[in-house]
Protein backbone atom coordinates (compact mmCIF):
# COMPACT_ATOMS: atom_id res chain seq x y z
CA UNK A 1 0.01 -0.03 -0.01
CA UNK A 2 2.99 2.37 0.77
CA UNK A 3 4.40 1.83 -2.60
CA UNK A 4 1.09 2.48 -4.34
CA UNK A 5 0.69 5.81 -2.33
CA UNK A 6 4.21 6.80 -3.30
CA UNK A 7 3.59 6.21 -6.94
CA UNK A 8 0.29 8.07 -6.84
CA UNK A 9 2.01 11.07 -5.23
CA UNK A 10 4.84 11.05 -7.65
CA UNK A 11 2.49 10.79 -10.63
CA UNK A 12 0.48 13.58 -9.26
CA UNK A 13 3.47 15.81 -8.79
CA UNK A 14 4.61 15.42 -12.39
CA UNK A 15 1.12 15.19 -13.95
CA UNK A 16 0.69 18.80 -12.95
CA UNK A 17 3.64 19.83 -15.09
CA UNK A 18 3.21 19.07 -18.86
CA UNK A 19 6.70 20.29 -19.71
CA UNK A 20 8.27 17.02 -18.23
CA UNK A 21 7.64 13.36 -18.84
CA UNK A 22 9.14 10.66 -16.83
CA UNK A 23 8.67 7.08 -17.89
CA UNK A 24 9.78 4.50 -15.41
CA UNK A 25 11.84 1.77 -17.06
CA UNK A 26 12.52 -0.28 -14.04
CA UNK A 27 12.33 -0.29 -10.13
CA UNK A 28 14.70 -2.79 -8.42
CA UNK A 29 15.75 -3.21 -4.78
CA UNK A 30 19.50 -2.57 -4.41
CA UNK A 31 21.94 -3.89 -1.83
CA UNK A 32 21.47 -0.89 0.58
CA UNK A 33 18.58 -1.84 2.80
CA UNK A 34 15.45 0.19 2.37
CA UNK A 35 16.71 1.71 -1.05
CA UNK A 36 15.70 1.02 -4.57
CA UNK A 37 17.11 1.99 -7.98
CA UNK A 38 14.46 3.81 -10.25
CA UNK A 39 15.61 3.91 -13.87
CA UNK A 40 13.59 6.36 -16.01
CA UNK A 41 13.50 8.00 -19.47
CA UNK A 42 13.01 11.76 -18.94
CA UNK A 43 12.04 14.26 -21.60
CA UNK A 44 11.84 18.10 -20.97
CA UNK A 45 9.93 20.18 -23.55
CA UNK A 46 11.68 23.23 -25.22
CA UNK A 47 11.43 26.08 -22.68
CA UNK A 48 10.17 23.84 -20.00
CA UNK A 49 11.54 22.96 -16.60
CA UNK A 50 11.12 20.17 -14.00
CA UNK A 51 10.09 22.50 -11.26
CA UNK A 52 11.92 22.93 -7.89
CA UNK A 53 11.93 19.43 -6.17
CA UNK A 54 13.93 17.05 -4.08
CA UNK A 55 14.63 13.33 -4.01
CA UNK A 56 15.12 10.98 -1.01
CA UNK A 57 18.48 9.82 -2.59
CA UNK A 58 20.84 10.67 -5.38
CA UNK A 59 19.91 11.34 -8.98
CA UNK A 60 22.33 10.27 -11.64
CA UNK A 61 21.50 11.49 -15.08
CA UNK A 62 23.00 11.16 -18.63
CA UNK A 63 21.85 13.61 -21.43
CA UNK A 64 21.00 11.63 -24.61
CA UNK A 65 19.80 14.60 -26.54
CA UNK A 66 19.70 18.39 -26.08
CA UNK A 67 21.09 20.88 -23.55
CA UNK A 68 20.01 21.48 -20.01
CA UNK A 69 20.59 23.99 -17.21
CA UNK A 70 20.68 22.26 -13.88
CA UNK A 71 20.13 24.49 -10.88
CA UNK A 72 21.22 23.01 -7.50
CA UNK A 73 20.44 25.24 -4.53
CA UNK A 74 23.79 26.56 -3.08
CA UNK A 75 25.72 25.68 -6.43
CA UNK A 76 26.45 27.69 -9.43
CA UNK A 77 24.18 26.90 -12.45
CA UNK A 78 25.45 23.92 -14.51
CA UNK A 79 24.93 23.52 -18.21
CA UNK A 80 24.96 19.80 -19.54
CA UNK A 81 24.85 18.83 -23.21
CA UNK A 82 24.40 15.68 -25.19
CA UNK A 83 26.81 13.06 -24.01
CA UNK A 84 27.43 14.63 -20.63
CA UNK A 85 26.07 13.71 -17.20
CA UNK A 86 25.30 15.14 -13.76
CA UNK A 87 24.69 13.95 -10.14
CA UNK A 88 22.11 15.70 -7.74
CA UNK A 89 22.99 14.84 -4.01
CA UNK A 90 20.30 13.36 -2.00
CA UNK A 91 17.71 15.99 -0.56
CA UNK A 92 19.21 18.86 -2.63
CA UNK A 93 16.61 21.30 -3.99
CA UNK A 94 17.08 21.55 -7.60
CA UNK A 95 15.49 22.32 -10.90
CA UNK A 96 16.39 21.48 -14.56
CA UNK A 97 15.46 23.90 -17.43
CA UNK A 98 15.54 23.25 -21.02
CA UNK A 99 16.59 26.61 -22.61
CA UNK A 100 16.92 25.12 -26.12
CA UNK A 101 14.51 24.62 -29.03
CA UNK A 102 14.47 20.85 -28.94
CA UNK A 103 13.28 18.37 -26.37
CA UNK A 104 15.97 17.40 -23.81
CA UNK A 105 16.23 13.50 -23.44
CA UNK A 106 17.78 12.01 -20.32
CA UNK A 107 18.40 8.59 -18.95
CA UNK A 108 18.06 8.91 -15.26
CA UNK A 109 18.75 6.60 -12.26
CA UNK A 110 17.33 7.53 -8.89
CA UNK A 111 18.86 5.67 -5.79
CA UNK A 112 16.05 6.51 -3.34
CA UNK A 113 14.16 5.37 -0.24
CA UNK A 114 11.83 2.51 -1.12
CA UNK A 115 8.26 3.35 -0.58
CA UNK A 116 8.61 7.16 -0.50
CA UNK A 117 7.61 9.41 -3.43
CA UNK A 118 10.25 9.74 -6.29
CA UNK A 119 10.23 13.46 -5.94
CA UNK A 120 8.80 15.98 -3.75
CA UNK A 121 8.09 19.58 -4.60
CA UNK A 122 10.32 22.17 -2.84
CA UNK A 123 9.67 25.77 -2.10
């Protein structure tokens, strides 16, 4: 039941933002107790952003196509392009913005607490 609730909360968070599409490819327990890996395909529309949010664990993403500005609270903006990657620390408030004219496509791996929402909006 906790997993279903977490999935619904996560779906609700991102359903409100049409600029980003996350497609979960796989969820799998990892060797760290209470954690799971969530592998997703992510697409951010031109001019769109993910919106400020946090994760209960690390996000590791690879840019398959496009260019993205990653904004992590307390750090300077980071521009990542096709073929590059970035890591977001657990709990960091962050956003990702597509300032280009083509969709940004990412392969993302989240190492998060099992049974919790994948992402939570941040003020």
